[in-house]
């Protein structure tokens, strides 16, 4: 198994970035892995100081086979940073594990991700691998190491060059899709928030690479591989977060186990009970609760 390079995307949160790097460096495969750190440029004078504080951490990074820092002089924004950065690494390496600066990983995160990437590399139904998983009742007594889902997660994920390069980031068919109510309803199998999120993206009201990524997944009926026990938690909620505000919907328990070998065999299909529990996390009622 050849290990995947890791992309870490950072911006202006030094405290979170330091914790994310520390946790990642404690992974069992960190010393054998290449780390590419992408640092987006500042929007203004205030963020310039914050970006500089993040970049001051970079010379101290250790515990990896190789560390390469890619600094942007301009502010690309998260969507453009990830699309261009991941494309760059996939072009040269063929696969990549991707993290943002507010994600804490378990010590076997890289192990799970690399084994899944290796196992599913030539499976045309698999679109991505997620390191994050929500706590679902249906998983409590599960003996499996993984399950399949309809909606990709952007909290610690991985993919290969071929599926990534097929994505239409301009969503050229949106004008026809927005009037196709049957397919809009089907799109909600990953969550009722998805059609409206795509609408806001196309109207320029949000800057999301992930909803376009998920739309491509839906159109091509592709699956994401999830761990039964989450290998990732987020510490990025709060007022300083650019894209995510405080919520408890996605609280989960980080895997503190020492498992090193994961079994991905068995029939690849979406469990109906899990799919329903997943979809309910994004229901209108649960989203409304977050506002109060």
C-alpha atoms as a PDB file:
ATOM      1  CA  UNK A   1       0.000   0.000   0.000  1.00  0.00           C
ATOM      2  CA  UNK A   2       1.459   3.356  -1.065  1.00  0.00           C
ATOM      3  CA  UNK A   3       0.456   6.063   1.378  1.00  0.00           C
ATOM      4  CA  UNK A   4      -1.623   9.014   0.246  1.00  0.00           C
ATOM      5  CA  UNK A   5      -0.293  12.554   0.623  1.00  0.00           C
ATOM      6  CA  UNK A   6      -2.182  14.784   3.062  1.00  0.00           C
ATOM      7  CA  UNK A   7      -3.506  18.250   2.214  1.00  0.00           C
ATOM      8  CA  UNK A   8      -4.109  20.592   5.146  1.00  0.00           C
ATOM      9  CA  UNK A   9      -5.919  23.858   4.381  1.00  0.00           C
ATOM     10  CA  UNK A  10      -5.376  26.747   6.779  1.00  0.00           C
ATOM     11  CA  UNK A  11      -6.442  30.348   7.068  1.00  0.00           C
ATOM     12  CA  UNK A  12      -6.541  32.530  10.166  1.00  0.00           C
ATOM     13  CA  UNK A  13      -7.079  30.344  13.233  1.00  0.00           C
ATOM     14  CA  UNK A  14      -3.732  29.675  14.861  1.00  0.00           C
ATOM     15  CA  UNK A  15      -5.031  27.919  17.969  1.00  0.00           C
ATOM     16  CA  UNK A  16      -7.185  25.443  16.025  1.00  0.00           C
ATOM     17  CA  UNK A  17      -4.454  24.897  13.424  1.00  0.00           C
ATOM     18  CA  UNK A  18      -1.874  24.076  16.089  1.00  0.00           C
ATOM     19  CA  UNK A  19      -4.205  21.495  17.669  1.00  0.00           C
ATOM     20  CA  UNK A  20      -5.054  19.964  14.298  1.00  0.00           C
ATOM     21  CA  UNK A  21      -1.381  19.575  13.348  1.00  0.00           C
ATOM     22  CA  UNK A  22      -0.499  18.141  16.754  1.00  0.00           C
ATOM     23  CA  UNK A  23      -3.228  15.491  16.523  1.00  0.00           C
ATOM     24  CA  UNK A  24      -2.322  14.620  12.939  1.00  0.00           C
ATOM     25  CA  UNK A  25       1.364  14.233  13.806  1.00  0.00           C
ATOM     26  CA  UNK A  26       0.407  11.604  16.401  1.00  0.00           C
ATOM     27  CA  UNK A  27      -1.123   9.381  13.739  1.00  0.00           C
ATOM     28  CA  UNK A  28       0.525   6.001  13.339  1.00  0.00           C
ATOM     29  CA  UNK A  29       1.376   6.678   9.681  1.00  0.00           C
ATOM     30  CA  UNK A  30       2.343  10.340  10.011  1.00  0.00           C
ATOM     31  CA  UNK A  31       6.084   9.712   9.890  1.00  0.00           C
ATOM     32  CA  UNK A  32       5.641   7.891   6.569  1.00  0.00           C
ATOM     33  CA  UNK A  33       3.309  10.482   5.022  1.00  0.00           C
ATOM     34  CA  UNK A  34       3.886  13.654   3.010  1.00  0.00           C
ATOM     35  CA  UNK A  35       2.063  16.737   4.272  1.00  0.00           C
ATOM     36  CA  UNK A  36       1.160  19.667   2.024  1.00  0.00           C
ATOM     37  CA  UNK A  37       0.001  22.728   3.958  1.00  0.00           C
ATOM     38  CA  UNK A  38      -1.988  25.309   1.998  1.00  0.00           C
ATOM     39  CA  UNK A  39      -2.158  28.759   3.583  1.00  0.00           C
ATOM     40  CA  UNK A  40      -4.726  31.156   2.122  1.00  0.00           C
ATOM     41  CA  UNK A  41      -3.883  34.854   1.948  1.00  0.00           C
ATOM     42  CA  UNK A  42      -5.532  37.530   4.131  1.00  0.00           C
ATOM     43  CA  UNK A  43      -8.705  39.444   3.254  1.00  0.00           C
ATOM     44  CA  UNK A  44      -7.777  42.586   5.200  1.00  0.00           C
ATOM     45  CA  UNK A  45      -5.380  44.016   7.802  1.00  0.00           C
ATOM     46  CA  UNK A  46      -7.020  42.190  10.705  1.00  0.00           C
ATOM     47  CA  UNK A  47      -6.837  38.830   8.984  1.00  0.00           C
ATOM     48  CA  UNK A  48      -3.272  39.606   7.858  1.00  0.00           C
ATOM     49  CA  UNK A  49      -2.103  39.454  11.474  1.00  0.00           C
ATOM     50  CA  UNK A  50      -4.069  36.269  12.037  1.00  0.00           C
ATOM     51  CA  UNK A  51      -2.690  34.617   8.900  1.00  0.00           C
ATOM     52  CA  UNK A  52       0.834  35.551   9.965  1.00  0.00           C
ATOM     53  CA  UNK A  53       0.211  33.917  13.357  1.00  0.00           C
ATOM     54  CA  UNK A  54      -0.817  30.715  11.572  1.00  0.00           C
ATOM     55  CA  UNK A  55       2.216  30.819   9.290  1.00  0.00           C
ATOM     56  CA  UNK A  56       4.492  31.230  12.304  1.00  0.00           C
ATOM     57  CA  UNK A  57       3.512  27.674  13.238  1.00  0.00           C
ATOM     58  CA  UNK A  58       4.797  26.137  10.015  1.00  0.00           C
ATOM     59  CA  UNK A  59       8.553  25.978  10.798  1.00  0.00           C
ATOM     60  CA  UNK A  60       7.699  23.973  13.924  1.00  0.00           C
ATOM     61  CA  UNK A  61       5.829  21.206  12.094  1.00  0.00           C
ATOM     62  CA  UNK A  62       7.514  17.853  12.496  1.00  0.00           C
ATOM     63  CA  UNK A  63       6.672  14.174  12.649  1.00  0.00           C
ATOM     64  CA  UNK A  64       6.036  13.741   8.924  1.00  0.00           C
ATOM     65  CA  UNK A  65       8.088  12.225   6.115  1.00  0.00           C
ATOM     66  CA  UNK A  66       8.034  15.535   4.264  1.00  0.00           C
ATOM     67  CA  UNK A  67       6.357  18.910   4.782  1.00  0.00           C
ATOM     68  CA  UNK A  68       5.714  21.364   1.952  1.00  0.00           C
ATOM     69  CA  UNK A  69       4.155  24.791   2.580  1.00  0.00           C
ATOM     70  CA  UNK A  70       2.158  26.503  -0.180  1.00  0.00           C
ATOM     71  CA  UNK A  71       1.374  30.128   0.707  1.00  0.00           C
ATOM     72  CA  UNK A  72      -1.027  32.279  -1.278  1.00  0.00           C
ATOM     73  CA  UNK A  73      -0.393  36.034  -1.398  1.00  0.00           C
ATOM     74  CA  UNK A  74      -4.070  36.666  -2.253  1.00  0.00           C
ATOM     75  CA  UNK A  75      -7.241  35.557  -0.540  1.00  0.00           C
ATOM     76  CA  UNK A  76      -8.719  32.792  -2.661  1.00  0.00           C
ATOM     77  CA  UNK A  77     -11.466  31.815  -0.233  1.00  0.00           C
ATOM     78  CA  UNK A  78     -12.045  28.284   1.014  1.00  0.00           C
ATOM     79  CA  UNK A  79     -13.792  26.946  -2.091  1.00  0.00           C
ATOM     80  CA  UNK A  80     -11.158  28.065  -4.593  1.00  0.00           C
ATOM     81  CA  UNK A  81      -8.337  27.106  -2.230  1.00  0.00           C
ATOM     82  CA  UNK A  82      -9.573  23.555  -1.898  1.00  0.00           C
ATOM     83  CA  UNK A  83     -10.503  23.054  -5.547  1.00  0.00           C
ATOM     84  CA  UNK A  84      -7.136  24.315  -6.805  1.00  0.00           C
ATOM     85  CA  UNK A  85      -5.034  22.765  -4.026  1.00  0.00           C
ATOM     86  CA  UNK A  86      -6.600  19.308  -4.182  1.00  0.00           C
ATOM     87  CA  UNK A  87      -6.455  19.375  -7.994  1.00  0.00           C
ATOM     88  CA  UNK A  88      -2.737  20.153  -7.810  1.00  0.00           C
ATOM     89  CA  UNK A  89      -1.930  17.259  -5.488  1.00  0.00           C
ATOM     90  CA  UNK A  90      -4.193  14.766  -7.257  1.00  0.00           C
ATOM     91  CA  UNK A  91      -2.578  15.602 -10.577  1.00  0.00           C
ATOM     92  CA  UNK A  92       0.854  14.670  -9.247  1.00  0.00           C
ATOM     93  CA  UNK A  93      -0.048  11.915  -6.759  1.00  0.00           C
ATOM     94  CA  UNK A  94      -3.321  10.360  -7.941  1.00  0.00           C
ATOM     95  CA  UNK A  95      -4.999  10.416  -4.516  1.00  0.00           C
ATOM     96  CA  UNK A  96      -5.171  12.679  -1.487  1.00  0.00           C
ATOM     97  CA  UNK A  97      -6.392  12.877   2.093  1.00  0.00           C
ATOM     98  CA  UNK A  98      -7.816  16.322   2.838  1.00  0.00           C
ATOM     99  CA  UNK A  99      -8.211  18.201   6.123  1.00  0.00           C
ATOM    100  CA  UNK A 100      -9.105  21.704   7.203  1.00  0.00           C
ATOM    101  CA  UNK A 101      -7.522  23.569  10.100  1.00  0.00           C
ATOM    102  CA  UNK A 102     -10.285  22.895  12.650  1.00  0.00           C
ATOM    103  CA  UNK A 103     -10.318  19.098  12.561  1.00  0.00           C
ATOM    104  CA  UNK A 104      -8.901  16.793  15.226  1.00  0.00           C
ATOM    105  CA  UNK A 105      -8.025  13.281  14.094  1.00  0.00           C
ATOM    106  CA  UNK A 106      -7.750   9.985  15.920  1.00  0.00           C
ATOM    107  CA  UNK A 107      -4.424   8.161  15.937  1.00  0.00           C
ATOM    108  CA  UNK A 108      -5.747   5.646  13.373  1.00  0.00           C
ATOM    109  CA  UNK A 109      -7.307   8.217  11.019  1.00  0.00           C
ATOM    110  CA  UNK A 110      -4.554   7.887   8.404  1.00  0.00           C
ATOM    111  CA  UNK A 111      -4.655   4.108   8.748  1.00  0.00           C
ATOM    112  CA  UNK A 112      -8.381   3.927   8.010  1.00  0.00           C
ATOM    113  CA  UNK A 113      -8.183   6.439   5.162  1.00  0.00           C
ATOM    114  CA  UNK A 114      -5.238   4.783   3.412  1.00  0.00           C
ATOM    115  CA  UNK A 115      -6.694   1.295   3.693  1.00  0.00           C
ATOM    116  CA  UNK A 116     -10.050   2.485   2.335  1.00  0.00           C
ATOM    117  CA  UNK A 117      -8.368   4.365  -0.523  1.00  0.00           C
ATOM    118  CA  UNK A 118      -6.409   1.236  -1.405  1.00  0.00           C
ATOM    119  CA  UNK A 119      -9.389  -1.121  -1.191  1.00  0.00           C
ATOM    120  CA  UNK A 120     -11.900   0.968  -3.154  1.00  0.00           C
ATOM    121  CA  UNK A 121      -9.517   2.559  -5.672  1.00  0.00           C
ATOM    122  CA  UNK A 122     -10.925   0.645  -8.635  1.00  0.00           C
ATOM    123  CA  UNK A 123     -14.554   0.572  -7.505  1.00  0.00           C
ATOM    124  CA  UNK A 124     -16.492   2.887  -9.822  1.00  0.00           C
ATOM    125  CA  UNK A 125     -19.341   3.270  -7.295  1.00  0.00           C
ATOM    126  CA  UNK A 126     -17.141   4.847  -4.618  1.00  0.00           C
ATOM    127  CA  UNK A 127     -16.715   8.604  -4.871  1.00  0.00           C
ATOM    128  CA  UNK A 128     -14.905   9.455  -1.640  1.00  0.00           C
ATOM    129  CA  UNK A 129     -13.844   8.251   1.792  1.00  0.00           C
ATOM    130  CA  UNK A 130     -14.834  10.124   4.952  1.00  0.00           C
ATOM    131  CA  UNK A 131     -12.921  10.081   8.216  1.00  0.00           C
ATOM    132  CA  UNK A 132     -15.841  11.658  10.063  1.00  0.00           C
ATOM    133  CA  UNK A 133     -19.003   9.866  11.110  1.00  0.00           C
ATOM    134  CA  UNK A 134     -22.021  10.958  13.093  1.00  0.00           C
ATOM    135  CA  UNK A 135     -23.298   8.978  16.067  1.00  0.00           C
ATOM    136  CA  UNK A 136     -26.298   7.024  14.822  1.00  0.00           C
ATOM    137  CA  UNK A 137     -28.361   4.597  16.930  1.00  0.00           C
ATOM    138  CA  UNK A 138     -28.074   2.040  14.113  1.00  0.00           C
ATOM    139  CA  UNK A 139     -24.282   2.012  14.532  1.00  0.00           C
ATOM    140  CA  UNK A 140     -24.243   1.296  18.263  1.00  0.00           C
ATOM    141  CA  UNK A 141     -24.001  -2.486  17.938  1.00  0.00           C
ATOM    142  CA  UNK A 142     -22.482  -2.619  14.477  1.00  0.00           C
ATOM    143  CA  UNK A 143     -19.638  -5.069  13.985  1.00  0.00           C
ATOM    144  CA  UNK A 144     -18.653  -3.546  10.654  1.00  0.00           C
ATOM    145  CA  UNK A 145     -15.746  -1.113  10.273  1.00  0.00           C
ATOM    146  CA  UNK A 146     -17.585   0.985   7.698  1.00  0.00           C
ATOM    147  CA  UNK A 147     -20.877   1.873   6.025  1.00  0.00           C
ATOM    148  CA  UNK A 148     -21.830   3.569   2.759  1.00  0.00           C
ATOM    149  CA  UNK A 149     -23.682   6.863   2.404  1.00  0.00           C
ATOM    150  CA  UNK A 150     -25.218   9.013  -0.327  1.00  0.00           C
ATOM    151  CA  UNK A 151     -23.694  12.306   0.826  1.00  0.00           C
ATOM    152  CA  UNK A 152     -19.989  13.040   1.084  1.00  0.00           C
ATOM    153  CA  UNK A 153     -18.553  14.758   4.147  1.00  0.00           C
ATOM    154  CA  UNK A 154     -15.984  17.559   3.990  1.00  0.00           C
ATOM    155  CA  UNK A 155     -14.669  16.888   7.516  1.00  0.00           C
ATOM    156  CA  UNK A 156     -11.558  14.866   6.813  1.00  0.00           C
ATOM    157  CA  UNK A 157     -12.002  13.078   3.500  1.00  0.00           C
ATOM    158  CA  UNK A 158     -10.120  11.491   0.643  1.00  0.00           C
ATOM    159  CA  UNK A 159     -10.541  10.785  -3.054  1.00  0.00           C
ATOM    160  CA  UNK A 160      -8.742   9.836  -6.244  1.00  0.00           C
ATOM    161  CA  UNK A 161      -7.826  11.846  -9.324  1.00  0.00           C
ATOM    162  CA  UNK A 162     -10.345  10.336 -11.777  1.00  0.00           C
ATOM    163  CA  UNK A 163     -13.600  11.039  -9.885  1.00  0.00           C
ATOM    164  CA  UNK A 164     -12.357  14.499  -8.885  1.00  0.00           C
ATOM    165  CA  UNK A 165     -11.473  15.531 -12.424  1.00  0.00           C
ATOM    166  CA  UNK A 166     -14.952  14.614 -13.686  1.00  0.00           C
ATOM    167  CA  UNK A 167     -16.663  17.227 -11.494  1.00  0.00           C
ATOM    168  CA  UNK A 168     -18.331  20.165 -13.245  1.00  0.00           C
ATOM    169  CA  UNK A 169     -17.608  22.967 -10.777  1.00  0.00           C
ATOM    170  CA  UNK A 170     -19.658  25.400 -12.900  1.00  0.00           C
ATOM    171  CA  UNK A 171     -22.759  23.165 -12.598  1.00  0.00           C
ATOM    172  CA  UNK A 172     -23.618  23.840 -16.220  1.00  0.00           C
ATOM    173  CA  UNK A 173     -26.880  21.904 -16.055  1.00  0.00           C
ATOM    174  CA  UNK A 174     -28.290  23.897 -13.136  1.00  0.00           C
ATOM    175  CA  UNK A 175     -30.797  25.849 -15.261  1.00  0.00           C
ATOM    176  CA  UNK A 176     -32.548  22.615 -16.163  1.00  0.00           C
ATOM    177  CA  UNK A 177     -32.094  21.007 -12.726  1.00  0.00           C
ATOM    178  CA  UNK A 178     -33.723  23.887 -10.836  1.00  0.00           C
ATOM    179  CA  UNK A 179     -37.015  23.161 -12.628  1.00  0.00           C
ATOM    180  CA  UNK A 180     -36.697  19.393 -12.328  1.00  0.00           C
ATOM    181  CA  UNK A 181     -38.644  18.910  -9.096  1.00  0.00           C
ATOM    182  CA  UNK A 182     -38.486  15.125  -9.213  1.00  0.00           C
ATOM    183  CA  UNK A 183     -34.686  15.157  -9.214  1.00  0.00           C
ATOM    184  CA  UNK A 184     -34.611  17.943  -6.632  1.00  0.00           C
ATOM    185  CA  UNK A 185     -36.648  15.692  -4.357  1.00  0.00           C
ATOM    186  CA  UNK A 186     -34.279  12.781  -5.038  1.00  0.00           C
ATOM    187  CA  UNK A 187     -31.333  15.055  -4.247  1.00  0.00           C
ATOM    188  CA  UNK A 188     -32.741  15.352  -0.730  1.00  0.00           C
ATOM    189  CA  UNK A 189     -31.924  11.721   0.025  1.00  0.00           C
ATOM    190  CA  UNK A 190     -28.711  13.115   1.507  1.00  0.00           C
ATOM    191  CA  UNK A 191     -30.560  15.858   3.401  1.00  0.00           C
ATOM    192  CA  UNK A 192     -33.416  18.278   2.741  1.00  0.00           C
ATOM    193  CA  UNK A 193     -30.968  21.193   2.859  1.00  0.00           C
ATOM    194  CA  UNK A 194     -29.146  20.228  -0.326  1.00  0.00           C
ATOM    195  CA  UNK A 195     -31.288  21.755  -3.120  1.00  0.00           C
ATOM    196  CA  UNK A 196     -31.496  25.096  -1.327  1.00  0.00           C
ATOM    197  CA  UNK A 197     -27.786  25.088  -0.595  1.00  0.00           C
ATOM    198  CA  UNK A 198     -27.042  24.505  -4.266  1.00  0.00           C
ATOM    199  CA  UNK A 199     -29.479  27.299  -5.160  1.00  0.00           C
ATOM    200  CA  UNK A 200     -27.626  29.712  -2.844  1.00  0.00           C
ATOM    201  CA  UNK A 201     -24.315  28.661  -4.358  1.00  0.00           C
ATOM    202  CA  UNK A 202     -25.516  29.316  -7.885  1.00  0.00           C
ATOM    203  CA  UNK A 203     -26.937  32.691  -6.830  1.00  0.00           C
ATOM    204  CA  UNK A 204     -23.593  33.676  -5.280  1.00  0.00           C
ATOM    205  CA  UNK A 205     -25.013  33.840  -1.755  1.00  0.00           C
ATOM    206  CA  UNK A 206     -22.546  31.265  -0.401  1.00  0.00           C
ATOM    207  CA  UNK A 207     -19.112  30.074  -1.491  1.00  0.00           C
ATOM    208  CA  UNK A 208     -19.255  26.300  -1.196  1.00  0.00           C
ATOM    209  CA  UNK A 209     -17.182  23.765  -3.062  1.00  0.00           C
ATOM    210  CA  UNK A 210     -18.779  20.918  -1.059  1.00  0.00           C
ATOM    211  CA  UNK A 211     -22.360  21.336  -2.317  1.00  0.00           C
ATOM    212  CA  UNK A 212     -21.126  21.199  -5.910  1.00  0.00           C
ATOM    213  CA  UNK A 213     -19.094  18.123  -5.001  1.00  0.00           C
ATOM    214  CA  UNK A 214     -22.192  16.480  -3.479  1.00  0.00           C
ATOM    215  CA  UNK A 215     -24.339  17.425  -6.460  1.00  0.00           C
ATOM    216  CA  UNK A 216     -21.930  15.642  -8.785  1.00  0.00           C
ATOM    217  CA  UNK A 217     -22.066  12.620  -6.478  1.00  0.00           C
ATOM    218  CA  UNK A 218     -25.870  12.594  -6.604  1.00  0.00           C
ATOM    219  CA  UNK A 219     -26.046  12.980 -10.391  1.00  0.00           C
ATOM    220  CA  UNK A 220     -23.785   9.986 -10.872  1.00  0.00           C
ATOM    221  CA  UNK A 221     -25.303   7.854  -8.078  1.00  0.00           C
ATOM    222  CA  UNK A 222     -22.003   7.467  -6.231  1.00  0.00           C
ATOM    223  CA  UNK A 223     -21.248   6.480  -2.647  1.00  0.00           C
ATOM    224  CA  UNK A 224     -19.069   7.689   0.219  1.00  0.00           C
ATOM    225  CA  UNK A 225     -17.377   5.264   2.622  1.00  0.00           C
ATOM    226  CA  UNK A 226     -17.765   6.191   6.306  1.00  0.00           C
ATOM    227  CA  UNK A 227     -16.125   4.715   9.408  1.00  0.00           C
ATOM    228  CA  UNK A 228     -18.468   3.188  11.964  1.00  0.00           C
ATOM    229  CA  UNK A 229     -16.456   4.992  14.651  1.00  0.00           C
ATOM    230  CA  UNK A 230     -15.521   8.559  13.778  1.00  0.00           C
ATOM    231  CA  UNK A 231     -11.830   9.283  13.195  1.00  0.00           C
ATOM    232  CA  UNK A 232     -12.489  13.048  13.138  1.00  0.00           C
ATOM    233  CA  UNK A 233     -14.151  15.692  15.300  1.00  0.00           C
ATOM    234  CA  UNK A 234     -14.511  19.395  14.574  1.00  0.00           C
ATOM    235  CA  UNK A 235     -13.394  22.178  16.918  1.00  0.00           C
ATOM    236  CA  UNK A 236     -14.304  24.894  14.432  1.00  0.00           C
ATOM    237  CA  UNK A 237     -17.678  26.023  15.720  1.00  0.00           C
ATOM    238  CA  UNK A 238     -18.172  29.510  17.045  1.00  0.00           C
ATOM    239  CA  UNK A 239     -18.163  33.181  16.110  1.00  0.00           C
ATOM    240  CA  UNK A 240     -14.713  33.039  14.503  1.00  0.00           C
ATOM    241  CA  UNK A 241     -15.750  30.309  12.084  1.00  0.00           C
ATOM    242  CA  UNK A 242     -16.156  31.555   8.522  1.00  0.00           C
ATOM    243  CA  UNK A 243     -18.522  28.854   7.295  1.00  0.00           C
ATOM    244  CA  UNK A 244     -19.842  27.047  10.389  1.00  0.00           C
ATOM    245  CA  UNK A 245     -21.665  28.340  13.439  1.00  0.00           C
ATOM    246  CA  UNK A 246     -22.364  26.622  16.745  1.00  0.00           C
ATOM    247  CA  UNK A 247     -24.454  23.467  16.562  1.00  0.00           C
ATOM    248  CA  UNK A 248     -24.675  20.197  18.458  1.00  0.00           C
ATOM    249  CA  UNK A 249     -26.185  18.213  15.589  1.00  0.00           C
ATOM    250  CA  UNK A 250     -22.821  16.925  14.474  1.00  0.00           C
ATOM    251  CA  UNK A 251     -21.295  16.124  17.861  1.00  0.00           C
ATOM    252  CA  UNK A 252     -19.690  12.716  17.778  1.00  0.00           C
ATOM    253  CA  UNK A 253     -17.266  10.580  19.775  1.00  0.00           C
ATOM    254  CA  UNK A 254     -13.696  10.333  18.510  1.00  0.00           C
ATOM    255  CA  UNK A 255     -12.358   6.819  18.102  1.00  0.00           C
ATOM    256  CA  UNK A 256      -9.730   6.238  20.802  1.00  0.00           C
ATOM    257  CA  UNK A 257      -9.228   2.608  19.870  1.00  0.00           C
ATOM    258  CA  UNK A 258      -5.974   1.171  18.541  1.00  0.00           C
ATOM    259  CA  UNK A 259      -7.357  -0.785  15.608  1.00  0.00           C
ATOM    260  CA  UNK A 260      -4.892  -0.972  12.718  1.00  0.00           C
ATOM    261  CA  UNK A 261      -6.559  -3.319  10.253  1.00  0.00           C
ATOM    262  CA  UNK A 262      -9.979  -2.514   8.816  1.00  0.00           C
ATOM    263  CA  UNK A 263     -12.252  -4.887   6.927  1.00  0.00           C
ATOM    264  CA  UNK A 264     -13.959  -3.352   3.886  1.00  0.00           C
ATOM    265  CA  UNK A 265     -15.300  -6.585   2.426  1.00  0.00           C
ATOM    266  CA  UNK A 266     -18.986  -7.360   2.040  1.00  0.00           C
ATOM    267  CA  UNK A 267     -21.734  -6.075  -0.220  1.00  0.00           C
ATOM    268  CA  UNK A 268     -21.460  -2.369  -0.944  1.00  0.00           C
ATOM    269  CA  UNK A 269     -24.917  -0.918  -0.401  1.00  0.00           C
ATOM    270  CA  UNK A 270     -26.620   1.799   1.625  1.00  0.00           C
ATOM    271  CA  UNK A 271     -28.435   0.575   4.721  1.00  0.00           C
ATOM    272  CA  UNK A 272     -31.986   1.996   4.689  1.00  0.00           C
ATOM    273  CA  UNK A 273     -32.095   2.628   8.446  1.00  0.00           C
ATOM    274  CA  UNK A 274     -28.749   4.415   8.419  1.00  0.00           C
ATOM    275  CA  UNK A 275     -29.774   6.454   5.381  1.00  0.00           C
ATOM    276  CA  UNK A 276     -32.898   7.624   7.213  1.00  0.00           C
ATOM    277  CA  UNK A 277     -30.950   8.528  10.375  1.00  0.00           C
ATOM    278  CA  UNK A 278     -28.381  10.377   8.241  1.00  0.00           C
ATOM    279  CA  UNK A 279     -31.093  12.298   6.384  1.00  0.00           C
ATOM    280  CA  UNK A 280     -32.824  13.242   9.635  1.00  0.00           C
ATOM    281  CA  UNK A 281     -29.692  15.025  10.862  1.00  0.00           C
ATOM    282  CA  UNK A 282     -30.274  17.542   8.069  1.00  0.00           C
ATOM    283  CA  UNK A 283     -34.071  17.748   8.412  1.00  0.00           C
ATOM    284  CA  UNK A 284     -35.833  21.097   8.540  1.00  0.00           C
ATOM    285  CA  UNK A 285     -36.805  20.512  12.179  1.00  0.00           C
ATOM    286  CA  UNK A 286     -33.245  19.786  13.284  1.00  0.00           C
ATOM    287  CA  UNK A 287     -31.904  22.744  11.328  1.00  0.00           C
ATOM    288  CA  UNK A 288     -34.527  24.963  12.910  1.00  0.00           C
ATOM    289  CA  UNK A 289     -33.468  23.822  16.384  1.00  0.00           C
ATOM    290  CA  UNK A 290     -29.952  25.113  15.664  1.00  0.00           C
ATOM    291  CA  UNK A 291     -31.339  28.641  15.391  1.00  0.00           C
ATOM    292  CA  UNK A 292     -32.626  28.636  18.952  1.00  0.00           C
END
